[in-house]
Amino acid sequence: MALKTNNMINLKTIKPDIRYLEDMKSVIYDKKWLKTAPNRELYYMYRDVAENEKDFMKIIQNNLRYDITVLKPQKLGKEFNKTLGHDHPIVPGTDITYPELYEILEGKAIFVLQDSNENNINNIFAIKAKRGDKIIIPPNYEHLFMNYGKNDLKVANWISRSFSTHIYKPFKLKHGFSYYALRKFLKIKWIKNQNYSSVPKLEFKNPNNFYKFYIPKDLPIYNLLEQPGKLDFLKNPQKYNWSLD
């Protein structure tokens, strides 16, 4: 399998979707800071990209989508710069949502994943990840990630192209996920979001848990385009065992 690198995708030639502070107001913890903070660009979403036309056609033929998201190393008051957070639609004919596969291309990230049931959170955990680390978002987990490094955070993902719209409304109504990550000197202080009626203890997990799927740890996930069958779990998650045991 020929080694590919994500550096071959020149993001400077691609127009991204931009997330502004104005779009994030409902999920920001530091409301005092927000009152006087000017609107600004927070992160950039390069959706449906590929290294070349041949790869792009192969991605479409396999019902996949490859994206890159870049977060600036700025602070949102007491918080790190973060994504809005989203959920995926339910796979037709099932009761589970589409999963996702991420890779850290540059920088340092913290992912937060939560499994919610209306007003209650069944489970929530955080994952710290650095360059080269991979993270699978299992079915039924809402997720966001934040830049807690000093440089740009660049994150790639594979996802099914069977849907095009993410779900944001529940988190906006609750003013964010069930925990906020605040800067506390050189540490992180986790604060419960009081807008949820029930929030369990936050757990911490390591990256590179692959749920028995064959995801090479030391190769870019873009390489999986050479063996797209290994990404079938993104399109048909109901066929697989999602236990880590």
C-alpha atoms as a PDB file:
ATOM      1  CA  MET A   1       0.000   0.000   0.000  1.00  0.00           C
ATOM      2  CA  ALA A   2       1.490   3.323  -1.056  1.00  0.00           C
ATOM      3  CA  LEU A   3       2.016   5.714   1.834  1.00  0.00           C
ATOM      4  CA  LYS A   4      -0.024   8.868   1.586  1.00  0.00           C
ATOM      5  CA  THR A   5       0.313  11.999   3.665  1.00  0.00           C
ATOM      6  CA  ASN A   6      -2.304  14.624   4.410  1.00  0.00           C
ATOM      7  CA  ASN A   7       0.240  17.331   3.546  1.00  0.00           C
ATOM      8  CA  MET A   8      -0.683  16.731  -0.094  1.00  0.00           C
ATOM      9  CA  ILE A   9      -4.059  18.383   0.503  1.00  0.00           C
ATOM     10  CA  ASN A  10      -3.389  22.105   0.094  1.00  0.00           C
ATOM     11  CA  LEU A  11      -5.994  23.743   2.316  1.00  0.00           C
ATOM     12  CA  LYS A  12      -4.998  27.193   1.057  1.00  0.00           C
ATOM     13  CA  THR A  13      -6.723  26.406  -2.230  1.00  0.00           C
ATOM     14  CA  ILE A  14      -9.989  25.308  -0.566  1.00  0.00           C
ATOM     15  CA  LYS A  15     -12.679  27.624   0.780  1.00  0.00           C
ATOM     16  CA  PRO A  16     -13.729  26.426   4.236  1.00  0.00           C
ATOM     17  CA  ASP A  17     -16.909  26.816   6.198  1.00  0.00           C
ATOM     18  CA  ILE A  18     -16.074  29.108   9.125  1.00  0.00           C
ATOM     19  CA  ARG A  19     -17.427  28.890  12.648  1.00  0.00           C
ATOM     20  CA  TYR A  20     -17.582  32.306  14.342  1.00  0.00           C
ATOM     21  CA  LEU A  21     -17.900  33.244  17.985  1.00  0.00           C
ATOM     22  CA  GLU A  22     -21.372  34.536  17.135  1.00  0.00           C
ATOM     23  CA  ASP A  23     -22.348  30.950  16.250  1.00  0.00           C
ATOM     24  CA  MET A  24     -21.078  29.642  19.589  1.00  0.00           C
ATOM     25  CA  LYS A  25     -22.679  32.058  22.067  1.00  0.00           C
ATOM     26  CA  SER A  26     -25.186  29.544  23.403  1.00  0.00           C
ATOM     27  CA  VAL A  27     -22.486  27.018  24.433  1.00  0.00           C
ATOM     28  CA  ILE A  28     -19.867  29.349  25.966  1.00  0.00           C
ATOM     29  CA  TYR A  29     -19.309  28.975  29.711  1.00  0.00           C
ATOM     30  CA  ASP A  30     -17.821  32.396  30.443  1.00  0.00           C
ATOM     31  CA  LYS A  31     -20.837  34.653  29.916  1.00  0.00           C
ATOM     32  CA  LYS A  32     -19.107  37.650  31.502  1.00  0.00           C
ATOM     33  CA  TRP A  33     -16.293  37.469  28.973  1.00  0.00           C
ATOM     34  CA  LEU A  34     -18.797  36.906  26.182  1.00  0.00           C
ATOM     35  CA  LYS A  35     -20.572  40.214  26.857  1.00  0.00           C
ATOM     36  CA  THR A  36     -17.631  42.276  25.576  1.00  0.00           C
ATOM     37  CA  ALA A  37     -15.852  39.787  23.298  1.00  0.00           C
ATOM     38  CA  PRO A  38     -15.850  40.854  19.630  1.00  0.00           C
ATOM     39  CA  ASN A  39     -17.024  38.390  17.017  1.00  0.00           C
ATOM     40  CA  ARG A  40     -14.117  36.409  15.537  1.00  0.00           C
ATOM     41  CA  GLU A  41     -13.219  33.347  13.493  1.00  0.00           C
ATOM     42  CA  LEU A  42     -12.785  30.277  15.728  1.00  0.00           C
ATOM     43  CA  TYR A  43     -12.307  27.331  13.399  1.00  0.00           C
ATOM     44  CA  TYR A  44     -12.389  26.222   9.797  1.00  0.00           C
ATOM     45  CA  MET A  45     -14.157  23.188   8.330  1.00  0.00           C
ATOM     46  CA  TYR A  46     -12.811  21.803   5.049  1.00  0.00           C
ATOM     47  CA  ARG A  47     -15.461  19.275   4.083  1.00  0.00           C
ATOM     48  CA  ASP A  48     -15.310  16.576   1.430  1.00  0.00           C
ATOM     49  CA  VAL A  49     -11.650  16.987   0.456  1.00  0.00           C
ATOM     50  CA  ALA A  50      -9.182  14.654  -1.237  1.00  0.00           C
ATOM     51  CA  GLU A  51      -5.601  14.646  -2.487  1.00  0.00           C
ATOM     52  CA  ASN A  52      -6.624  14.372  -6.125  1.00  0.00           C
ATOM     53  CA  GLU A  53      -9.601  13.807  -8.416  1.00  0.00           C
ATOM     54  CA  LYS A  54      -9.056  10.042  -8.578  1.00  0.00           C
ATOM     55  CA  ASP A  55      -9.195   9.761  -4.799  1.00  0.00           C
ATOM     56  CA  PHE A  56     -12.250  12.007  -4.658  1.00  0.00           C
ATOM     57  CA  MET A  57     -14.150   9.780  -7.064  1.00  0.00           C
ATOM     58  CA  LYS A  58     -13.149   6.716  -5.045  1.00  0.00           C
ATOM     59  CA  ILE A  59     -14.376   8.368  -1.854  1.00  0.00           C
ATOM     60  CA  ILE A  60     -17.756   9.084  -3.450  1.00  0.00           C
ATOM     61  CA  GLN A  61     -18.029   5.572  -4.910  1.00  0.00           C
ATOM     62  CA  ASN A  62     -17.504   4.139  -1.419  1.00  0.00           C
ATOM     63  CA  ASN A  63     -20.102   6.456   0.148  1.00  0.00           C
ATOM     64  CA  LEU A  64     -17.539   8.125   2.405  1.00  0.00           C
ATOM     65  CA  ARG A  65     -16.443  11.678   3.171  1.00  0.00           C
ATOM     66  CA  TYR A  66     -13.058  12.973   4.320  1.00  0.00           C
ATOM     67  CA  ASP A  67     -12.908  16.292   6.190  1.00  0.00           C
ATOM     68  CA  ILE A  68     -10.281  18.435   7.915  1.00  0.00           C
ATOM     69  CA  THR A  69     -11.039  20.888  10.739  1.00  0.00           C
ATOM     70  CA  VAL A  70      -8.567  23.531  11.948  1.00  0.00           C
ATOM     71  CA  LEU A  71      -8.963  25.261  15.329  1.00  0.00           C
ATOM     72  CA  LYS A  72      -6.969  28.342  16.272  1.00  0.00           C
ATOM     73  CA  PRO A  73      -5.029  28.303  19.594  1.00  0.00           C
ATOM     74  CA  GLN A  74      -7.174  30.986  21.206  1.00  0.00           C
ATOM     75  CA  LYS A  75      -9.222  31.061  24.366  1.00  0.00           C
ATOM     76  CA  LEU A  76     -12.945  31.533  24.810  1.00  0.00           C
ATOM     77  CA  GLY A  77     -12.805  33.370  28.116  1.00  0.00           C
ATOM     78  CA  LYS A  78     -12.030  30.654  30.674  1.00  0.00           C
ATOM     79  CA  GLU A  79     -12.377  27.884  28.098  1.00  0.00           C
ATOM     80  CA  PHE A  80     -10.187  26.487  25.370  1.00  0.00           C
ATOM     81  CA  ASN A  81     -11.245  27.055  21.792  1.00  0.00           C
ATOM     82  CA  LYS A  82     -13.685  24.261  20.993  1.00  0.00           C
ATOM     83  CA  THR A  83     -16.102  23.010  18.387  1.00  0.00           C
ATOM     84  CA  LEU A  84     -19.810  23.566  18.819  1.00  0.00           C
ATOM     85  CA  GLY A  85     -20.396  19.853  19.375  1.00  0.00           C
ATOM     86  CA  HIS A  86     -22.748  17.673  17.394  1.00  0.00           C
ATOM     87  CA  ASP A  87     -24.567  14.375  17.050  1.00  0.00           C
ATOM     88  CA  HIS A  88     -25.246  12.258  13.961  1.00  0.00           C
ATOM     89  CA  PRO A  89     -28.561  11.028  12.552  1.00  0.00           C
ATOM     90  CA  ILE A  90     -29.821   7.509  13.217  1.00  0.00           C
ATOM     91  CA  VAL A  91     -28.966   4.841  10.649  1.00  0.00           C
ATOM     92  CA  PRO A  92     -32.249   4.022   8.855  1.00  0.00           C
ATOM     93  CA  GLY A  93     -33.905   0.887  10.212  1.00  0.00           C
ATOM     94  CA  THR A  94     -31.844   0.902  13.429  1.00  0.00           C
ATOM     95  CA  ASP A  95     -31.749   2.659  16.795  1.00  0.00           C
ATOM     96  CA  ILE A  96     -28.099   3.772  16.580  1.00  0.00           C
ATOM     97  CA  THR A  97     -26.379   6.777  15.054  1.00  0.00           C
ATOM     98  CA  TYR A  98     -23.572   6.873  12.517  1.00  0.00           C
ATOM     99  CA  PRO A  99     -20.052   6.677  14.037  1.00  0.00           C
ATOM    100  CA  GLU A 100     -16.974   8.668  12.993  1.00  0.00           C
ATOM    101  CA  LEU A 101     -13.199   8.178  12.810  1.00  0.00           C
ATOM    102  CA  TYR A 102     -10.831  11.049  13.712  1.00  0.00           C
ATOM    103  CA  GLU A 103      -7.086  11.577  13.530  1.00  0.00           C
ATOM    104  CA  ILE A 104      -4.964  14.375  14.977  1.00  0.00           C
ATOM    105  CA  LEU A 105      -2.821  15.746  12.143  1.00  0.00           C
ATOM    106  CA  GLU A 106      -1.245  18.594  14.128  1.00  0.00           C
ATOM    107  CA  GLY A 107      -1.510  19.946  17.656  1.00  0.00           C
ATOM    108  CA  LYS A 108      -3.091  18.734  20.896  1.00  0.00           C
ATOM    109  CA  ALA A 109      -6.776  17.990  21.398  1.00  0.00           C
ATOM    110  CA  ILE A 110      -9.254  16.995  24.059  1.00  0.00           C
ATOM    111  CA  PHE A 111     -12.333  15.132  22.856  1.00  0.00           C
ATOM    112  CA  VAL A 112     -15.498  14.967  24.954  1.00  0.00           C
ATOM    113  CA  LEU A 113     -18.041  12.237  24.218  1.00  0.00           C
ATOM    114  CA  GLN A 114     -21.391  11.887  25.925  1.00  0.00           C
ATOM    115  CA  ASP A 115     -24.252   9.406  25.647  1.00  0.00           C
ATOM    116  CA  SER A 116     -27.460  11.210  26.525  1.00  0.00           C
ATOM    117  CA  ASN A 117     -31.066  10.216  27.034  1.00  0.00           C
ATOM    118  CA  GLU A 118     -33.247  13.305  26.801  1.00  0.00           C
ATOM    119  CA  ASN A 119     -32.365  15.337  29.917  1.00  0.00           C
ATOM    120  CA  ASN A 120     -29.994  12.776  31.444  1.00  0.00           C
ATOM    121  CA  ILE A 121     -26.433  11.792  30.596  1.00  0.00           C
ATOM    122  CA  ASN A 122     -25.817   8.053  30.687  1.00  0.00           C
ATOM    123  CA  ASN A 123     -22.068   8.259  30.218  1.00  0.00           C
ATOM    124  CA  ILE A 124     -19.469  10.932  29.486  1.00  0.00           C
ATOM    125  CA  PHE A 125     -15.725  10.667  28.972  1.00  0.00           C
ATOM    126  CA  ALA A 126     -12.785  12.756  27.788  1.00  0.00           C
ATOM    127  CA  ILE A 127      -9.798  11.754  25.660  1.00  0.00           C
ATOM    128  CA  LYS A 128      -6.525  13.655  25.340  1.00  0.00           C
ATOM    129  CA  ALA A 129      -4.900  13.172  21.946  1.00  0.00           C
ATOM    130  CA  LYS A 130      -1.792  14.344  20.118  1.00  0.00           C
ATOM    131  CA  ARG A 131      -0.459  14.145  16.578  1.00  0.00           C
ATOM    132  CA  GLY A 132      -1.016  10.698  15.069  1.00  0.00           C
ATOM    133  CA  ASP A 133      -3.610   9.580  17.608  1.00  0.00           C
ATOM    134  CA  LYS A 134      -6.909   8.180  16.321  1.00  0.00           C
ATOM    135  CA  ILE A 135     -10.312   8.312  17.961  1.00  0.00           C
ATOM    136  CA  ILE A 136     -13.466   6.440  17.023  1.00  0.00           C
ATOM    137  CA  ILE A 137     -16.767   8.056  17.984  1.00  0.00           C
ATOM    138  CA  PRO A 138     -19.058   5.079  18.656  1.00  0.00           C
ATOM    139  CA  PRO A 139     -22.778   5.108  17.834  1.00  0.00           C
ATOM    140  CA  ASN A 140     -25.047   7.254  20.025  1.00  0.00           C
ATOM    141  CA  TYR A 141     -22.297   9.514  21.360  1.00  0.00           C
ATOM    142  CA  GLU A 142     -22.431  13.258  20.887  1.00  0.00           C
ATOM    143  CA  HIS A 143     -18.969  14.743  20.627  1.00  0.00           C
ATOM    144  CA  LEU A 144     -16.856  17.854  20.514  1.00  0.00           C
ATOM    145  CA  PHE A 145     -13.139  18.572  20.611  1.00  0.00           C
ATOM    146  CA  MET A 146     -11.022  21.481  21.772  1.00  0.00           C
ATOM    147  CA  ASN A 147      -7.551  22.882  21.167  1.00  0.00           C
ATOM    148  CA  TYR A 148      -5.591  22.879  24.405  1.00  0.00           C
ATOM    149  CA  GLY A 149      -2.201  23.419  22.769  1.00  0.00           C
ATOM    150  CA  LYS A 150      -0.256  26.525  21.785  1.00  0.00           C
ATOM    151  CA  ASN A 151      -0.465  25.940  18.035  1.00  0.00           C
ATOM    152  CA  ASP A 152      -3.178  25.270  15.474  1.00  0.00           C
ATOM    153  CA  LEU A 153      -5.079  22.038  15.961  1.00  0.00           C
ATOM    154  CA  LYS A 154      -5.695  20.177  12.705  1.00  0.00           C
ATOM    155  CA  VAL A 155      -8.031  17.189  12.824  1.00  0.00           C
ATOM    156  CA  ALA A 156      -9.089  14.855   9.998  1.00  0.00           C
ATOM    157  CA  ASN A 157     -12.124  12.578   9.931  1.00  0.00           C
ATOM    158  CA  TRP A 158     -13.791   9.848   7.907  1.00  0.00           C
ATOM    159  CA  ILE A 159     -17.567   9.633   7.977  1.00  0.00           C
ATOM    160  CA  SER A 160     -20.402   8.149   5.939  1.00  0.00           C
ATOM    161  CA  ARG A 161     -21.778  10.445   3.263  1.00  0.00           C
ATOM    162  CA  SER A 162     -25.264   8.945   3.699  1.00  0.00           C
ATOM    163  CA  PHE A 163     -26.143  12.105   5.619  1.00  0.00           C
ATOM    164  CA  SER A 164     -25.037  15.714   5.322  1.00  0.00           C
ATOM    165  CA  THR A 165     -26.547  17.421   8.361  1.00  0.00           C
ATOM    166  CA  HIS A 166     -25.288  17.213  11.930  1.00  0.00           C
ATOM    167  CA  ILE A 167     -27.510  17.714  14.981  1.00  0.00           C
ATOM    168  CA  TYR A 168     -26.727  20.767  17.143  1.00  0.00           C
ATOM    169  CA  LYS A 169     -29.982  21.889  18.752  1.00  0.00           C
ATOM    170  CA  PRO A 170     -29.894  19.792  21.993  1.00  0.00           C
ATOM    171  CA  PHE A 171     -26.526  21.254  23.047  1.00  0.00           C
ATOM    172  CA  LYS A 172     -27.544  24.796  22.250  1.00  0.00           C
ATOM    173  CA  LEU A 173     -30.631  24.393  24.440  1.00  0.00           C
ATOM    174  CA  LYS A 174     -28.468  23.040  27.284  1.00  0.00           C
ATOM    175  CA  HIS A 175     -25.769  25.691  26.721  1.00  0.00           C
ATOM    176  CA  GLY A 176     -23.104  23.123  25.917  1.00  0.00           C
ATOM    177  CA  PHE A 177     -22.111  19.607  26.853  1.00  0.00           C
ATOM    178  CA  SER A 178     -22.551  18.312  30.398  1.00  0.00           C
ATOM    179  CA  TYR A 179     -18.998  19.330  31.382  1.00  0.00           C
ATOM    180  CA  TYR A 180     -16.964  22.418  30.577  1.00  0.00           C
ATOM    181  CA  ALA A 181     -13.149  22.296  30.469  1.00  0.00           C
ATOM    182  CA  LEU A 182     -11.699  25.454  32.028  1.00  0.00           C
ATOM    183  CA  ARG A 183      -8.099  26.635  31.992  1.00  0.00           C
ATOM    184  CA  LYS A 184      -6.605  26.444  35.514  1.00  0.00           C
ATOM    185  CA  PHE A 185      -2.959  27.455  35.317  1.00  0.00           C
ATOM    186  CA  LEU A 186      -1.250  24.397  33.750  1.00  0.00           C
ATOM    187  CA  LYS A 187      -4.181  22.098  34.535  1.00  0.00           C
ATOM    188  CA  ILE A 188      -7.746  21.614  33.395  1.00  0.00           C
ATOM    189  CA  LYS A 189     -10.683  22.191  35.706  1.00  0.00           C
ATOM    190  CA  TRP A 190     -13.833  20.296  34.755  1.00  0.00           C
ATOM    191  CA  ILE A 191     -17.123  21.986  35.672  1.00  0.00           C
ATOM    192  CA  LYS A 192     -20.548  20.353  35.482  1.00  0.00           C
ATOM    193  CA  ASN A 193     -23.152  22.028  33.336  1.00  0.00           C
ATOM    194  CA  GLN A 194     -26.038  22.687  35.702  1.00  0.00           C
ATOM    195  CA  ASN A 195     -28.543  22.774  32.844  1.00  0.00           C
ATOM    196  CA  TYR A 196     -28.621  18.964  32.851  1.00  0.00           C
ATOM    197  CA  SER A 197     -30.752  17.259  35.487  1.00  0.00           C
ATOM    198  CA  SER A 198     -28.358  14.342  35.928  1.00  0.00           C
ATOM    199  CA  VAL A 199     -24.635  14.263  35.139  1.00  0.00           C
ATOM    200  CA  PRO A 200     -22.435  11.246  36.014  1.00  0.00           C
ATOM    201  CA  LYS A 201     -18.774  11.392  36.972  1.00  0.00           C
ATOM    202  CA  LEU A 202     -16.508  12.286  34.082  1.00  0.00           C
ATOM    203  CA  GLU A 203     -14.348   9.363  32.935  1.00  0.00           C
ATOM    204  CA  PHE A 204     -11.021   9.545  31.126  1.00  0.00           C
ATOM    205  CA  LYS A 205      -9.940   7.229  28.323  1.00  0.00           C
ATOM    206  CA  ASN A 206      -6.950   6.839  26.047  1.00  0.00           C
ATOM    207  CA  PRO A 207      -6.952   7.348  22.277  1.00  0.00           C
ATOM    208  CA  ASN A 208      -6.434   4.538  19.772  1.00  0.00           C
ATOM    209  CA  ASN A 209      -9.235   2.280  21.035  1.00  0.00           C
ATOM    210  CA  PHE A 210     -10.359   0.693  17.807  1.00  0.00           C
ATOM    211  CA  TYR A 211     -13.241  -1.556  18.894  1.00  0.00           C
ATOM    212  CA  LYS A 212     -11.497  -4.513  17.181  1.00  0.00           C
ATOM    213  CA  PHE A 213     -11.549  -2.729  13.811  1.00  0.00           C
ATOM    214  CA  TYR A 214      -8.316  -2.838  11.871  1.00  0.00           C
ATOM    215  CA  ILE A 215      -7.086   0.740  12.067  1.00  0.00           C
ATOM    216  CA  PRO A 216      -3.271   0.963  11.727  1.00  0.00           C
ATOM    217  CA  LYS A 217      -2.059   3.120  14.595  1.00  0.00           C
ATOM    218  CA  ASP A 218       1.057   4.416  12.851  1.00  0.00           C
ATOM    219  CA  LEU A 219      -0.410   5.284   9.438  1.00  0.00           C
ATOM    220  CA  PRO A 220      -2.628   8.207   8.424  1.00  0.00           C
ATOM    221  CA  ILE A 221      -6.301   7.304   8.247  1.00  0.00           C
ATOM    222  CA  TYR A 222      -6.292   8.680   4.704  1.00  0.00           C
ATOM    223  CA  ASN A 223      -4.445   5.468   3.757  1.00  0.00           C
ATOM    224  CA  LEU A 224      -7.623   3.527   4.469  1.00  0.00           C
ATOM    225  CA  LEU A 225      -8.915   4.764   1.138  1.00  0.00           C
ATOM    226  CA  GLU A 226      -6.732   1.994  -0.340  1.00  0.00           C
ATOM    227  CA  GLN A 227      -8.826  -0.528   1.630  1.00  0.00           C
ATOM    228  CA  PRO A 228     -12.217   1.161   1.981  1.00  0.00           C
ATOM    229  CA  GLY A 229     -13.849  -2.042   3.231  1.00  0.00           C
ATOM    230  CA  LYS A 230     -12.119  -1.399   6.546  1.00  0.00           C
ATOM    231  CA  LEU A 231     -14.318   1.690   6.924  1.00  0.00           C
ATOM    232  CA  ASP A 232     -17.578  -0.214   6.463  1.00  0.00           C
ATOM    233  CA  PHE A 233     -18.288   0.202  10.199  1.00  0.00           C
ATOM    234  CA  LEU A 234     -18.866   3.910   9.515  1.00  0.00           C
ATOM    235  CA  LYS A 235     -21.645   3.100   7.045  1.00  0.00           C
ATOM    236  CA  ASN A 236     -23.179  -0.006   8.621  1.00  0.00           C
ATOM    237  CA  PRO A 237     -22.489   0.219  12.375  1.00  0.00           C
ATOM    238  CA  GLN A 238     -25.406  -2.100  13.168  1.00  0.00           C
ATOM    239  CA  LYS A 239     -23.409  -5.029  11.751  1.00  0.00           C
ATOM    240  CA  TYR A 240     -20.625  -4.762  14.331  1.00  0.00           C
ATOM    241  CA  ASN A 241     -19.919  -5.406  18.004  1.00  0.00           C
ATOM    242  CA  TRP A 242     -19.116  -2.091  19.677  1.00  0.00           C
ATOM    243  CA  SER A 243     -17.737  -3.571  22.884  1.00  0.00           C
ATOM    244  CA  LEU A 244     -14.140  -2.769  23.793  1.00  0.00           C
ATOM    245  CA  ASP A 245     -13.802  -6.106  25.624  1.00  0.00           C
END
